[in-house]
C-alpha atoms as a PDB file:
ATOM      1  CA  MET A   1       0.000   0.000   0.000  1.00  0.00           C
ATOM      2  CA  ILE A   2       1.154   3.548  -0.742  1.00  0.00           C
ATOM      3  CA  ILE A   3       0.169   6.632   1.227  1.00  0.00           C
ATOM      4  CA  VAL A   4       0.607   9.855  -0.720  1.00  0.00           C
ATOM      5  CA  LEU A   5       1.066  12.884   1.500  1.00  0.00           C
ATOM      6  CA  LYS A   6      -0.176  16.389   0.850  1.00  0.00           C
ATOM      7  CA  PRO A   7       2.504  18.834  -0.355  1.00  0.00           C
ATOM      8  CA  ASN A   8       2.150  20.917   2.825  1.00  0.00           C
ATOM      9  CA  SER A   9       2.366  17.995   5.257  1.00  0.00           C
ATOM     10  CA  SER A  10       4.429  18.885   8.318  1.00  0.00           C
ATOM     11  CA  ASP A  11       7.069  16.723   9.961  1.00  0.00           C
ATOM     12  CA  LYS A  12       4.649  16.293  12.845  1.00  0.00           C
ATOM     13  CA  ASP A  13       2.000  14.952  10.445  1.00  0.00           C
ATOM     14  CA  ILE A  14       4.489  12.528   8.920  1.00  0.00           C
ATOM     15  CA  ASP A  15       5.682  11.271  12.316  1.00  0.00           C
ATOM     16  CA  HIS A  16       2.071  10.690  13.381  1.00  0.00           C
ATOM     17  CA  ILE A  17       1.344   8.626  10.251  1.00  0.00           C
ATOM     18  CA  LEU A  18       4.529   6.590  10.697  1.00  0.00           C
ATOM     19  CA  ASP A  19       3.676   5.888  14.325  1.00  0.00           C
ATOM     20  CA  ARG A  20       0.143   4.814  13.396  1.00  0.00           C
ATOM     21  CA  ILE A  21       1.467   2.378  10.790  1.00  0.00           C
ATOM     22  CA  ARG A  22       3.881   0.848  13.298  1.00  0.00           C
ATOM     23  CA  GLU A  23       1.078   0.514  15.851  1.00  0.00           C
ATOM     24  CA  LEU A  24      -0.676  -1.737  13.356  1.00  0.00           C
ATOM     25  CA  GLY A  25       2.349  -4.028  13.206  1.00  0.00           C
ATOM     26  CA  LEU A  26       3.380  -2.844   9.741  1.00  0.00           C
ATOM     27  CA  LYS A  27       6.620  -1.415   8.415  1.00  0.00           C
ATOM     28  CA  PRO A  28       6.637   2.087   6.842  1.00  0.00           C
ATOM     29  CA  HIS A  29       9.169   3.231   4.222  1.00  0.00           C
ATOM     30  CA  LEU A  30       9.341   6.996   3.807  1.00  0.00           C
ATOM     31  CA  SER A  31      10.378   8.340   0.403  1.00  0.00           C
ATOM     32  CA  ARG A  32      10.819  12.080  -0.093  1.00  0.00           C
ATOM     33  CA  GLY A  33      10.718  13.049  -3.756  1.00  0.00           C
ATOM     34  CA  GLU A  34      11.304  16.393  -5.410  1.00  0.00           C
ATOM     35  CA  HIS A  35       7.587  17.186  -5.498  1.00  0.00           C
ATOM     36  CA  ARG A  36       5.940  14.480  -3.410  1.00  0.00           C
ATOM     37  CA  THR A  37       6.474  12.529  -0.222  1.00  0.00           C
ATOM     38  CA  ILE A  38       5.072   9.013  -0.068  1.00  0.00           C
ATOM     39  CA  ILE A  39       5.043   6.232   2.487  1.00  0.00           C
ATOM     40  CA  GLY A  40       5.210   2.622   1.397  1.00  0.00           C
ATOM     41  CA  VAL A  41       3.533   0.218   3.819  1.00  0.00           C
ATOM     42  CA  ILE A  42       4.874  -3.331   4.037  1.00  0.00           C
ATOM     43  CA  GLY A  43       3.120  -6.180   5.821  1.00  0.00           C
ATOM     44  CA  ASP A  44      -0.383  -7.596   6.123  1.00  0.00           C
ATOM     45  CA  GLU A  45      -2.381  -4.901   4.353  1.00  0.00           C
ATOM     46  CA  ASN A  46      -5.660  -6.432   5.558  1.00  0.00           C
ATOM     47  CA  LYS A  47      -4.938  -4.655   8.824  1.00  0.00           C
ATOM     48  CA  LEU A  48      -5.270  -1.349   6.990  1.00  0.00           C
ATOM     49  CA  GLN A  49      -8.545  -1.919   5.208  1.00  0.00           C
ATOM     50  CA  ALA A  50     -10.660  -0.905   8.195  1.00  0.00           C
ATOM     51  CA  GLN A  51      -8.410   1.967   9.180  1.00  0.00           C
ATOM     52  CA  PRO A  52      -9.441   5.454   8.051  1.00  0.00           C
ATOM     53  CA  LEU A  53      -5.939   6.507   7.037  1.00  0.00           C
ATOM     54  CA  GLN A  54      -7.407   8.903   4.523  1.00  0.00           C
ATOM     55  CA  ALA A  55      -8.704  10.962   7.462  1.00  0.00           C
ATOM     56  CA  ILE A  56      -5.292  11.430   9.084  1.00  0.00           C
ATOM     57  CA  PRO A  57      -3.996  15.020   8.730  1.00  0.00           C
ATOM     58  CA  GLY A  58      -1.450  15.262   5.926  1.00  0.00           C
ATOM     59  CA  VAL A  59      -2.737  12.262   3.931  1.00  0.00           C
ATOM     60  CA  GLU A  60      -3.897  13.020   0.396  1.00  0.00           C
ATOM     61  CA  GLN A  61      -4.432   9.554  -1.066  1.00  0.00           C
ATOM     62  CA  VAL A  62      -4.166   5.889  -0.116  1.00  0.00           C
ATOM     63  CA  PHE A  63      -4.018   3.111  -2.685  1.00  0.00           C
ATOM     64  CA  ALA A  64      -2.896  -0.504  -2.891  1.00  0.00           C
ATOM     65  CA  ILE A  65       0.000  -1.875  -4.892  1.00  0.00           C
ATOM     66  CA  MET A  66      -1.258  -4.980  -6.613  1.00  0.00           C
ATOM     67  CA  LYS A  67       2.166  -6.480  -7.365  1.00  0.00           C
ATOM     68  CA  PRO A  68       3.719  -8.735  -4.702  1.00  0.00           C
ATOM     69  CA  PHE A  69       6.915  -6.672  -4.816  1.00  0.00           C
ATOM     70  CA  LYS A  70       5.993  -3.348  -3.246  1.00  0.00           C
ATOM     71  CA  LEU A  71       9.146  -1.274  -2.762  1.00  0.00           C
ATOM     72  CA  ALA A  72      10.651  -2.456  -6.057  1.00  0.00           C
ATOM     73  CA  SER A  73       7.542  -1.528  -8.047  1.00  0.00           C
ATOM     74  CA  ARG A  74       6.987   1.377 -10.414  1.00  0.00           C
ATOM     75  CA  GLU A  75       3.969   2.349  -8.336  1.00  0.00           C
ATOM     76  CA  PHE A  76       6.217   3.005  -5.358  1.00  0.00           C
ATOM     77  CA  ASN A  77       8.733   5.056  -7.330  1.00  0.00           C
ATOM     78  CA  LYS A  78       7.898   6.467 -10.762  1.00  0.00           C
ATOM     79  CA  LYS A  79      11.404   7.843 -11.171  1.00  0.00           C
ATOM     80  CA  ASP A  80      14.309   5.562 -12.099  1.00  0.00           C
ATOM     81  CA  THR A  81      16.556   4.782  -9.158  1.00  0.00           C
ATOM     82  CA  VAL A  82      20.215   5.741  -9.573  1.00  0.00           C
ATOM     83  CA  VAL A  83      22.665   3.639  -7.554  1.00  0.00           C
ATOM     84  CA  ALA A  84      26.066   5.138  -6.738  1.00  0.00           C
ATOM     85  CA  VAL A  85      29.024   2.763  -6.492  1.00  0.00           C
ATOM     86  CA  GLY A  86      31.814   4.996  -5.323  1.00  0.00           C
ATOM     87  CA  LYS A  87      31.900   7.792  -7.895  1.00  0.00           C
ATOM     88  CA  VAL A  88      30.168   5.661 -10.534  1.00  0.00           C
ATOM     89  CA  LYS A  89      26.429   5.959 -11.124  1.00  0.00           C
ATOM     90  CA  ILE A  90      24.210   3.186 -12.472  1.00  0.00           C
ATOM     91  CA  GLY A  91      20.769   4.080 -13.817  1.00  0.00           C
ATOM     92  CA  GLY A  92      18.952   7.245 -14.771  1.00  0.00           C
ATOM     93  CA  GLY A  93      20.876   7.613 -18.036  1.00  0.00           C
ATOM     94  CA  SER A  94      24.270   6.664 -16.560  1.00  0.00           C
ATOM     95  CA  MET A  95      25.500   3.360 -17.973  1.00  0.00           C
ATOM     96  CA  ALA A  96      28.255   1.572 -16.071  1.00  0.00           C
ATOM     97  CA  MET A  97      30.674  -0.894 -17.621  1.00  0.00           C
ATOM     98  CA  ILE A  98      31.881  -3.583 -15.212  1.00  0.00           C
ATOM     99  CA  ALA A  99      34.882  -5.665 -16.236  1.00  0.00           C
ATOM    100  CA  GLY A 100      37.501  -7.959 -14.807  1.00  0.00           C
ATOM    101  CA  PRO A 101      38.384 -11.638 -14.376  1.00  0.00           C
ATOM    102  CA  CYS A 102      36.074 -14.284 -12.986  1.00  0.00           C
ATOM    103  CA  ALA A 103      38.462 -14.986 -10.123  1.00  0.00           C
ATOM    104  CA  ILE A 104      41.264 -13.005  -8.508  1.00  0.00           C
ATOM    105  CA  GLU A 105      44.408 -15.020  -9.098  1.00  0.00           C
ATOM    106  CA  SER A 106      47.318 -12.715  -8.246  1.00  0.00           C
ATOM    107  CA  LEU A 107      48.171  -9.045  -7.811  1.00  0.00           C
ATOM    108  CA  ALA A 108      50.152  -8.947 -11.054  1.00  0.00           C
ATOM    109  CA  ILE A 109      47.414 -10.518 -13.189  1.00  0.00           C
ATOM    110  CA  LEU A 110      44.611  -8.377 -11.755  1.00  0.00           C
ATOM    111  CA  ASP A 111      46.688  -5.218 -12.097  1.00  0.00           C
ATOM    112  CA  GLU A 112      47.402  -6.025 -15.736  1.00  0.00           C
ATOM    113  CA  ILE A 113      43.709  -6.605 -16.464  1.00  0.00           C
ATOM    114  CA  ALA A 114      42.606  -3.497 -14.550  1.00  0.00           C
ATOM    115  CA  THR A 115      45.087  -1.333 -16.446  1.00  0.00           C
ATOM    116  CA  SER A 116      43.653  -2.464 -19.780  1.00  0.00           C
ATOM    117  CA  VAL A 117      39.941  -2.344 -18.968  1.00  0.00           C
ATOM    118  CA  LYS A 118      40.231   1.054 -17.274  1.00  0.00           C
ATOM    119  CA  SER A 119      41.960   2.502 -20.347  1.00  0.00           C
ATOM    120  CA  SER A 120      39.165   1.079 -22.521  1.00  0.00           C
ATOM    121  CA  GLY A 121      36.427   2.718 -20.452  1.00  0.00           C
ATOM    122  CA  ALA A 122      35.397   0.251 -17.741  1.00  0.00           C
ATOM    123  CA  ALA A 123      34.171   2.048 -14.635  1.00  0.00           C
ATOM    124  CA  ILE A 124      33.949  -0.767 -12.058  1.00  0.00           C
ATOM    125  CA  LEU A 125      36.459  -3.576 -11.482  1.00  0.00           C
ATOM    126  CA  ARG A 126      35.125  -7.047 -10.726  1.00  0.00           C
ATOM    127  CA  GLY A 127      36.846 -10.141  -9.420  1.00  0.00           C
ATOM    128  CA  GLY A 128      35.820 -13.108  -7.300  1.00  0.00           C
ATOM    129  CA  ALA A 129      37.529 -13.914  -4.016  1.00  0.00           C
ATOM    130  CA  PHE A 130      34.941 -16.548  -3.042  1.00  0.00           C
ATOM    131  CA  LYS A 131      33.878 -18.737  -5.947  1.00  0.00           C
ATOM    132  CA  PRO A 132      30.755 -20.927  -5.828  1.00  0.00           C
ATOM    133  CA  ARG A 133      31.722 -23.782  -8.150  1.00  0.00           C
ATOM    134  CA  THR A 134      29.719 -26.720  -9.420  1.00  0.00           C
ATOM    135  CA  SER A 135      32.553 -29.063  -8.467  1.00  0.00           C
ATOM    136  CA  PRO A 136      33.993 -29.038  -4.914  1.00  0.00           C
ATOM    137  CA  TYR A 137      37.377 -29.783  -6.459  1.00  0.00           C
ATOM    138  CA  SER A 138      37.496 -26.645  -8.613  1.00  0.00           C
ATOM    139  CA  PHE A 139      39.346 -23.467  -7.599  1.00  0.00           C
ATOM    140  CA  GLN A 140      37.299 -21.821  -4.828  1.00  0.00           C
ATOM    141  CA  GLY A 141      39.027 -18.429  -4.713  1.00  0.00           C
ATOM    142  CA  LEU A 142      41.723 -16.770  -2.579  1.00  0.00           C
ATOM    143  CA  GLY A 143      39.393 -15.544   0.168  1.00  0.00           C
ATOM    144  CA  GLU A 144      40.609 -12.532   2.160  1.00  0.00           C
ATOM    145  CA  ASP A 145      43.942 -12.493   0.326  1.00  0.00           C
ATOM    146  CA  GLY A 146      41.967 -12.030  -2.883  1.00  0.00           C
ATOM    147  CA  LEU A 147      39.880  -9.251  -1.341  1.00  0.00           C
ATOM    148  CA  LYS A 148      43.046  -7.390  -0.339  1.00  0.00           C
ATOM    149  CA  ILE A 149      44.385  -7.657  -3.877  1.00  0.00           C
ATOM    150  CA  LEU A 150      41.090  -6.430  -5.326  1.00  0.00           C
ATOM    151  CA  ARG A 151      41.009  -3.445  -2.967  1.00  0.00           C
ATOM    152  CA  ASP A 152      44.628  -2.495  -3.673  1.00  0.00           C
ATOM    153  CA  VAL A 153      44.255  -2.737  -7.447  1.00  0.00           C
ATOM    154  CA  GLY A 154      40.965  -0.853  -7.408  1.00  0.00           C
ATOM    155  CA  ALA A 155      42.508   1.944  -5.363  1.00  0.00           C
ATOM    156  CA  LYS A 156      45.525   2.125  -7.660  1.00  0.00           C
ATOM    157  CA  HIS A 157      43.324   2.589 -10.733  1.00  0.00           C
ATOM    158  CA  ASP A 158      40.650   4.682  -8.984  1.00  0.00           C
ATOM    159  CA  MET A 159      37.977   2.087  -9.718  1.00  0.00           C
ATOM    160  CA  PRO A 160      35.292   0.945  -7.269  1.00  0.00           C
ATOM    161  CA  VAL A 161      35.263  -2.838  -6.893  1.00  0.00           C
ATOM    162  CA  VAL A 162      32.541  -5.482  -6.788  1.00  0.00           C
ATOM    163  CA  THR A 163      32.918  -9.067  -5.618  1.00  0.00           C
ATOM    164  CA  GLU A 164      30.639 -11.991  -4.881  1.00  0.00           C
ATOM    165  CA  ILE A 165      29.406 -12.859  -1.408  1.00  0.00           C
ATOM    166  CA  MET A 166      28.049 -16.311  -0.610  1.00  0.00           C
ATOM    167  CA  ASP A 167      27.207 -16.388   3.086  1.00  0.00           C
ATOM    168  CA  PRO A 168      25.866 -13.915   5.693  1.00  0.00           C
ATOM    169  CA  ARG A 169      28.934 -14.672   7.817  1.00  0.00           C
ATOM    170  CA  GLN A 170      31.161 -13.164   5.109  1.00  0.00           C
ATOM    171  CA  ILE A 171      29.473  -9.749   5.165  1.00  0.00           C
ATOM    172  CA  PRO A 172      31.758  -7.992   7.718  1.00  0.00           C
ATOM    173  CA  LEU A 173      34.862  -9.256   5.914  1.00  0.00           C
ATOM    174  CA  VAL A 174      33.758  -8.414   2.362  1.00  0.00           C
ATOM    175  CA  GLU A 175      32.338  -5.062   3.485  1.00  0.00           C
ATOM    176  CA  ARG A 176      35.827  -3.942   4.562  1.00  0.00           C
ATOM    177  CA  TYR A 177      37.193  -4.317   1.050  1.00  0.00           C
ATOM    178  CA  ALA A 178      34.395  -4.074  -1.538  1.00  0.00           C
ATOM    179  CA  ASP A 179      32.368  -1.093  -2.745  1.00  0.00           C
ATOM    180  CA  MET A 180      29.547  -3.349  -3.941  1.00  0.00           C
ATOM    181  CA  PHE A 181      28.316  -6.815  -2.972  1.00  0.00           C
ATOM    182  CA  GLN A 182      27.474  -9.242  -5.770  1.00  0.00           C
ATOM    183  CA  VAL A 183      24.834 -11.877  -5.084  1.00  0.00           C
ATOM    184  CA  GLY A 184      25.354 -14.645  -7.630  1.00  0.00           C
ATOM    185  CA  ALA A 185      22.701 -16.614  -9.478  1.00  0.00           C
ATOM    186  CA  ARG A 186      22.978 -19.552  -7.081  1.00  0.00           C
ATOM    187  CA  ASN A 187      22.254 -17.272  -4.112  1.00  0.00           C
ATOM    188  CA  MET A 188      19.500 -15.121  -5.607  1.00  0.00           C
ATOM    189  CA  GLN A 189      16.982 -16.806  -3.301  1.00  0.00           C
ATOM    190  CA  ASN A 190      19.267 -17.116  -0.285  1.00  0.00           C
ATOM    191  CA  PHE A 191      16.808 -15.052   1.733  1.00  0.00           C
ATOM    192  CA  ASP A 192      18.854 -14.977   4.936  1.00  0.00           C
ATOM    193  CA  LEU A 193      21.756 -13.506   2.969  1.00  0.00           C
ATOM    194  CA  LEU A 194      19.482 -10.985   1.244  1.00  0.00           C
ATOM    195  CA  LYS A 195      17.985  -9.818   4.537  1.00  0.00           C
ATOM    196  CA  GLU A 196      21.419  -9.331   6.084  1.00  0.00           C
ATOM    197  CA  LEU A 197      22.611  -7.402   3.025  1.00  0.00           C
ATOM    198  CA  GLY A 198      19.494  -5.259   3.331  1.00  0.00           C
ATOM    199  CA  MET A 199      20.764  -4.066   6.703  1.00  0.00           C
ATOM    200  CA  THR A 200      23.951  -2.738   5.127  1.00  0.00           C
ATOM    201  CA  LYS A 201      24.172   0.440   3.065  1.00  0.00           C
ATOM    202  CA  LYS A 202      26.495  -0.958   0.403  1.00  0.00           C
ATOM    203  CA  PRO A 203      25.101  -1.328  -3.139  1.00  0.00           C
ATOM    204  CA  ILE A 204      23.972  -4.836  -4.095  1.00  0.00           C
ATOM    205  CA  LEU A 205      24.398  -6.378  -7.554  1.00  0.00           C
ATOM    206  CA  LEU A 206      21.674  -9.027  -7.652  1.00  0.00           C
ATOM    207  CA  LYS A 207      22.026 -11.610 -10.411  1.00  0.00           C
ATOM    208  CA  ARG A 208      19.027 -13.446 -11.786  1.00  0.00           C
ATOM    209  CA  GLY A 209      18.856 -17.093 -10.787  1.00  0.00           C
ATOM    210  CA  MET A 210      19.391 -19.595 -13.563  1.00  0.00           C
ATOM    211  CA  SER A 211      15.782 -20.827 -13.307  1.00  0.00           C
ATOM    212  CA  ALA A 212      14.199 -17.654 -11.927  1.00  0.00           C
ATOM    213  CA  THR A 213      11.413 -15.593 -13.442  1.00  0.00           C
ATOM    214  CA  VAL A 214      11.558 -11.800 -13.570  1.00  0.00           C
ATOM    215  CA  LYS A 215       9.026 -11.791 -10.740  1.00  0.00           C
ATOM    216  CA  ASP A 216      11.297 -14.072  -8.689  1.00  0.00           C
ATOM    217  CA  MET A 217      14.200 -11.679  -9.199  1.00  0.00           C
ATOM    218  CA  LEU A 218      12.145  -8.644  -8.174  1.00  0.00           C
ATOM    219  CA  MET A 219      10.867 -10.470  -5.090  1.00  0.00           C
ATOM    220  CA  SER A 220      14.478 -11.178  -4.113  1.00  0.00           C
ATOM    221  CA  ALA A 221      15.259  -7.477  -4.531  1.00  0.00           C
ATOM    222  CA  GLU A 222      12.276  -6.785  -2.278  1.00  0.00           C
ATOM    223  CA  TYR A 223      13.995  -8.674   0.553  1.00  0.00           C
ATOM    224  CA  VAL A 224      16.927  -6.242   0.389  1.00  0.00           C
ATOM    225  CA  LEU A 225      14.732  -3.155   0.013  1.00  0.00           C
ATOM    226  CA  SER A 226      12.407  -4.164   2.850  1.00  0.00           C
ATOM    227  CA  GLU A 227      15.337  -4.161   5.278  1.00  0.00           C
ATOM    228  CA  GLY A 228      16.206  -0.563   4.429  1.00  0.00           C
ATOM    229  CA  ASN A 229      18.857  -0.790   1.698  1.00  0.00           C
ATOM    230  CA  PRO A 230      17.572   0.959  -1.466  1.00  0.00           C
ATOM    231  CA  ASN A 231      20.770   0.413  -3.477  1.00  0.00           C
ATOM    232  CA  VAL A 232      19.946  -2.618  -5.593  1.00  0.00           C
ATOM    233  CA  VAL A 233      21.116  -3.190  -9.174  1.00  0.00           C
ATOM    234  CA  LEU A 234      19.575  -6.147 -11.001  1.00  0.00           C
ATOM    235  CA  CYS A 235      21.558  -8.278 -13.434  1.00  0.00           C
ATOM    236  CA  GLU A 236      20.283 -10.431 -16.291  1.00  0.00           C
ATOM    237  CA  ARG A 237      22.805 -13.251 -16.834  1.00  0.00           C
ATOM    238  CA  GLY A 238      20.814 -15.823 -18.746  1.00  0.00           C
ATOM    239  CA  VAL A 239      18.500 -18.646 -17.723  1.00  0.00           C
ATOM    240  CA  ARG A 240      18.454 -22.382 -18.306  1.00  0.00           C
ATOM    241  CA  SER A 241      16.863 -23.649 -21.524  1.00  0.00           C
ATOM    242  CA  PHE A 242      16.985 -26.680 -23.780  1.00  0.00           C
ATOM    243  CA  GLU A 243      19.566 -24.982 -26.051  1.00  0.00           C
ATOM    244  CA  ASP A 244      22.990 -26.522 -25.507  1.00  0.00           C
ATOM    245  CA  SER A 245      25.196 -24.503 -27.873  1.00  0.00           C
ATOM    246  CA  THR A 246      25.408 -21.686 -25.311  1.00  0.00           C
ATOM    247  CA  ARG A 247      25.935 -21.771 -21.575  1.00  0.00           C
ATOM    248  CA  ASN A 248      22.530 -20.220 -20.877  1.00  0.00           C
ATOM    249  CA  MET A 249      19.802 -18.377 -22.770  1.00  0.00           C
ATOM    250  CA  LEU A 250      20.180 -14.596 -22.534  1.00  0.00           C
ATOM    251  CA  ASP A 251      16.723 -13.154 -21.900  1.00  0.00           C
ATOM    252  CA  LEU A 252      17.126  -9.599 -23.179  1.00  0.00           C
ATOM    253  CA  SER A 253      13.394  -9.036 -22.927  1.00  0.00           C
ATOM    254  CA  SER A 254      13.927  -8.935 -19.169  1.00  0.00           C
ATOM    255  CA  VAL A 255      15.494  -5.476 -19.508  1.00  0.00           C
ATOM    256  CA  PRO A 256      12.411  -3.591 -20.789  1.00  0.00           C
ATOM    257  CA  ASN A 257      10.254  -6.021 -18.800  1.00  0.00           C
ATOM    258  CA  VAL A 258      11.941  -5.004 -15.547  1.00  0.00           C
ATOM    259  CA  LYS A 259      11.903  -1.323 -16.476  1.00  0.00           C
ATOM    260  CA  GLY A 260       8.173  -1.457 -17.027  1.00  0.00           C
ATOM    261  CA  GLN A 261       7.550  -3.012 -13.627  1.00  0.00           C
ATOM    262  CA  SER A 262      10.326  -1.584 -11.465  1.00  0.00           C
ATOM    263  CA  HIS A 263      12.347   1.564 -10.861  1.00  0.00           C
ATOM    264  CA  LEU A 264      15.545  -0.408 -10.149  1.00  0.00           C
ATOM    265  CA  PRO A 265      18.443  -0.271 -12.626  1.00  0.00           C
ATOM    266  CA  ILE A 266      19.294  -3.434 -14.547  1.00  0.00           C
ATOM    267  CA  ILE A 267      22.525  -4.466 -16.252  1.00  0.00           C
ATOM    268  CA  VAL A 268      23.343  -7.444 -18.494  1.00  0.00           C
ATOM    269  CA  ASP A 269      26.088 -10.062 -18.200  1.00  0.00           C
ATOM    270  CA  PRO A 270      26.625 -11.610 -21.656  1.00  0.00           C
ATOM    271  CA  SER A 271      29.692 -13.547 -20.451  1.00  0.00           C
ATOM    272  CA  HIS A 272      27.837 -15.936 -18.148  1.00  0.00           C
ATOM    273  CA  ALA A 273      24.803 -15.900 -20.417  1.00  0.00           C
ATOM    274  CA  THR A 274      26.548 -17.197 -23.526  1.00  0.00           C
ATOM    275  CA  GLY A 275      29.785 -18.694 -22.228  1.00  0.00           C
ATOM    276  CA  ARG A 276      31.246 -17.909 -25.653  1.00  0.00           C
ATOM    277  CA  PRO A 277      33.600 -15.000 -26.447  1.00  0.00           C
ATOM    278  CA  ASP A 278      32.418 -14.917 -30.069  1.00  0.00           C
ATOM    279  CA  LEU A 279      28.870 -14.090 -28.922  1.00  0.00           C
ATOM    280  CA  ILE A 280      29.678 -11.628 -26.146  1.00  0.00           C
ATOM    281  CA  PRO A 281      30.147  -8.501 -28.348  1.00  0.00           C
ATOM    282  CA  ALA A 282      26.818  -8.908 -30.178  1.00  0.00           C
ATOM    283  CA  MET A 283      24.945  -9.594 -26.940  1.00  0.00           C
ATOM    284  CA  ALA A 284      26.613  -6.634 -25.230  1.00  0.00           C
ATOM    285  CA  PHE A 285      25.482  -4.361 -28.075  1.00  0.00           C
ATOM    286  CA  ALA A 286      21.979  -5.824 -27.955  1.00  0.00           C
ATOM    287  CA  ALA A 287      21.857  -5.205 -24.199  1.00  0.00           C
ATOM    288  CA  VAL A 288      22.610  -1.516 -24.701  1.00  0.00           C
ATOM    289  CA  ALA A 289      19.962  -1.311 -27.419  1.00  0.00           C
ATOM    290  CA  ALA A 290      17.445  -3.000 -25.097  1.00  0.00           C
ATOM    291  CA  GLY A 291      17.963  -0.202 -22.568  1.00  0.00           C
ATOM    292  CA  ALA A 292      20.348  -1.794 -20.064  1.00  0.00           C
ATOM    293  CA  ASP A 293      21.979   0.464 -17.480  1.00  0.00           C
ATOM    294  CA  GLY A 294      25.309  -1.283 -17.840  1.00  0.00           C
ATOM    295  CA  VAL A 295      27.145  -4.340 -19.143  1.00  0.00           C
ATOM    296  CA  HIS A 296      29.176  -6.821 -17.101  1.00  0.00           C
ATOM    297  CA  ILE A 297      31.963  -8.543 -19.074  1.00  0.00           C
ATOM    298  CA  GLU A 298      34.658 -10.955 -17.978  1.00  0.00           C
ATOM    299  CA  VAL A 299      38.133 -10.054 -19.229  1.00  0.00           C
ATOM    300  CA  HIS A 300      41.393 -11.948 -18.778  1.00  0.00           C
ATOM    301  CA  SER A 301      44.868 -11.297 -20.170  1.00  0.00           C
ATOM    302  CA  SER A 302      45.406 -15.028 -20.745  1.00  0.00           C
ATOM    303  CA  PRO A 303      42.083 -16.898 -20.775  1.00  0.00           C
ATOM    304  CA  GLU A 304      43.773 -20.250 -21.460  1.00  0.00           C
ATOM    305  CA  LYS A 305      45.559 -19.965 -18.101  1.00  0.00           C
ATOM    306  CA  ALA A 306      42.599 -18.621 -16.095  1.00  0.00           C
ATOM    307  CA  LEU A 307      41.706 -20.583 -12.978  1.00  0.00           C
ATOM    308  CA  SER A 308      37.984 -19.998 -13.467  1.00  0.00           C
ATOM    309  CA  ASP A 309      35.752 -19.528 -16.550  1.00  0.00           C
ATOM    310  CA  GLY A 310      38.623 -18.746 -18.910  1.00  0.00           C
ATOM    311  CA  PRO A 311      36.725 -19.951 -22.011  1.00  0.00           C
ATOM    312  CA  GLN A 312      34.124 -17.187 -21.613  1.00  0.00           C
ATOM    313  CA  ALA A 313      36.547 -14.288 -21.042  1.00  0.00           C
ATOM    314  CA  LEU A 314      37.443 -11.652 -23.617  1.00  0.00           C
ATOM    315  CA  LEU A 315      41.014 -10.594 -24.218  1.00  0.00           C
ATOM    316  CA  PRO A 316      41.774  -6.947 -23.313  1.00  0.00           C
ATOM    317  CA  LYS A 317      41.972  -5.972 -27.001  1.00  0.00           C
ATOM    318  CA  GLN A 318      38.602  -7.585 -27.669  1.00  0.00           C
ATOM    319  CA  PHE A 319      37.069  -5.688 -24.740  1.00  0.00           C
ATOM    320  CA  ALA A 320      38.526  -2.430 -26.082  1.00  0.00           C
ATOM    321  CA  ASP A 321      36.868  -3.081 -29.445  1.00  0.00           C
ATOM    322  CA  VAL A 322      33.546  -3.788 -27.731  1.00  0.00           C
ATOM    323  CA  MET A 323      33.768  -0.516 -25.831  1.00  0.00           C
ATOM    324  CA  VAL A 324      34.083   1.497 -29.056  1.00  0.00           C
ATOM    325  CA  MET A 325      30.687   0.293 -30.255  1.00  0.00           C
ATOM    326  CA  VAL A 326      29.118   0.418 -26.787  1.00  0.00           C
ATOM    327  CA  ARG A 327      29.891   4.140 -26.579  1.00  0.00           C
ATOM    328  CA  LYS A 328      28.287   4.760 -29.963  1.00  0.00           C
ATOM    329  CA  LEU A 329      25.160   2.798 -29.079  1.00  0.00           C
ATOM    330  CA  ALA A 330      24.895   4.438 -25.665  1.00  0.00           C
ATOM    331  CA  GLU A 331      24.937   7.848 -27.328  1.00  0.00           C
ATOM    332  CA  VAL A 332      22.104   6.768 -29.625  1.00  0.00           C
ATOM    333  CA  MET A 333      20.152   5.583 -26.587  1.00  0.00           C
ATOM    334  CA  GLY A 334      20.718   8.900 -24.818  1.00  0.00           C
ATOM    335  CA  LYS A 335      23.002   7.444 -22.162  1.00  0.00           C
ATOM    336  CA  THR A 336      26.498   8.258 -20.964  1.00  0.00           C
ATOM    337  CA  VAL A 337      29.222   5.681 -20.388  1.00  0.00           C
END
């Protein structure tokens, strides 16, 4: 449910409404816009049906949000949300390019990759310190040593850094080093993790689960938003299908689909979606054309030696070529890179 306040509502009026909502066992979320102030109400809305909220001083209108995701919905926020990751903005016409290796392997390798992607126009450096792998025998990441490397390299190149988190117990550690938490596809519905991340103020990059619907993804975002963290960036990274010539099926329709239903920014990861370097450029361009707020691409200086997902990584020169066209397409779409 959304409560729209009158333009001249006083702070006393607002506090009274918030207190009344809490008395009913519900959770209010205050949002002050440029022209309007609204209160989103989360919880059992049946408790509100018999309450004459419309009669409370300062209330102009009360109406229900029909979608199950309340705070993530367009009804709650008509204006596109812009998420700041360090000095980089994602959404609202600002398109962020995220690039880096799948896993952090060494200081020298990450520094080499960061040097190249930064010169090509990448704004955010990515690299995994904790790697959720299908096989327990595969490389699992360097842990805190990897986080230290990521932080040092990011600082050297003046790039904010994003890395994957897998467990609520890792939050204090990862928070010390990263500018943005990444929730991977396998953890999209790890609701305990999402709730804990919602209590932080760090931006969250939430990847779509491999068998998740758009609604599922937005409901996962709702877990983060409902705990007070508004800084959520969605990521389309492909879903499972019967096609076996690509790693996953890239659902580019999810970009305008999400934008029609939600105010949250959404980026696209063509690397995990296709698993094929020859398809990544075309899918990156298509993502920009579809209206994505950014593109997430894996880059490695020597993919054949990479410890994780080398076959789907672009070489630095290939990434530089992609960036040339991305800039042109972004300009056509009225966005800045």
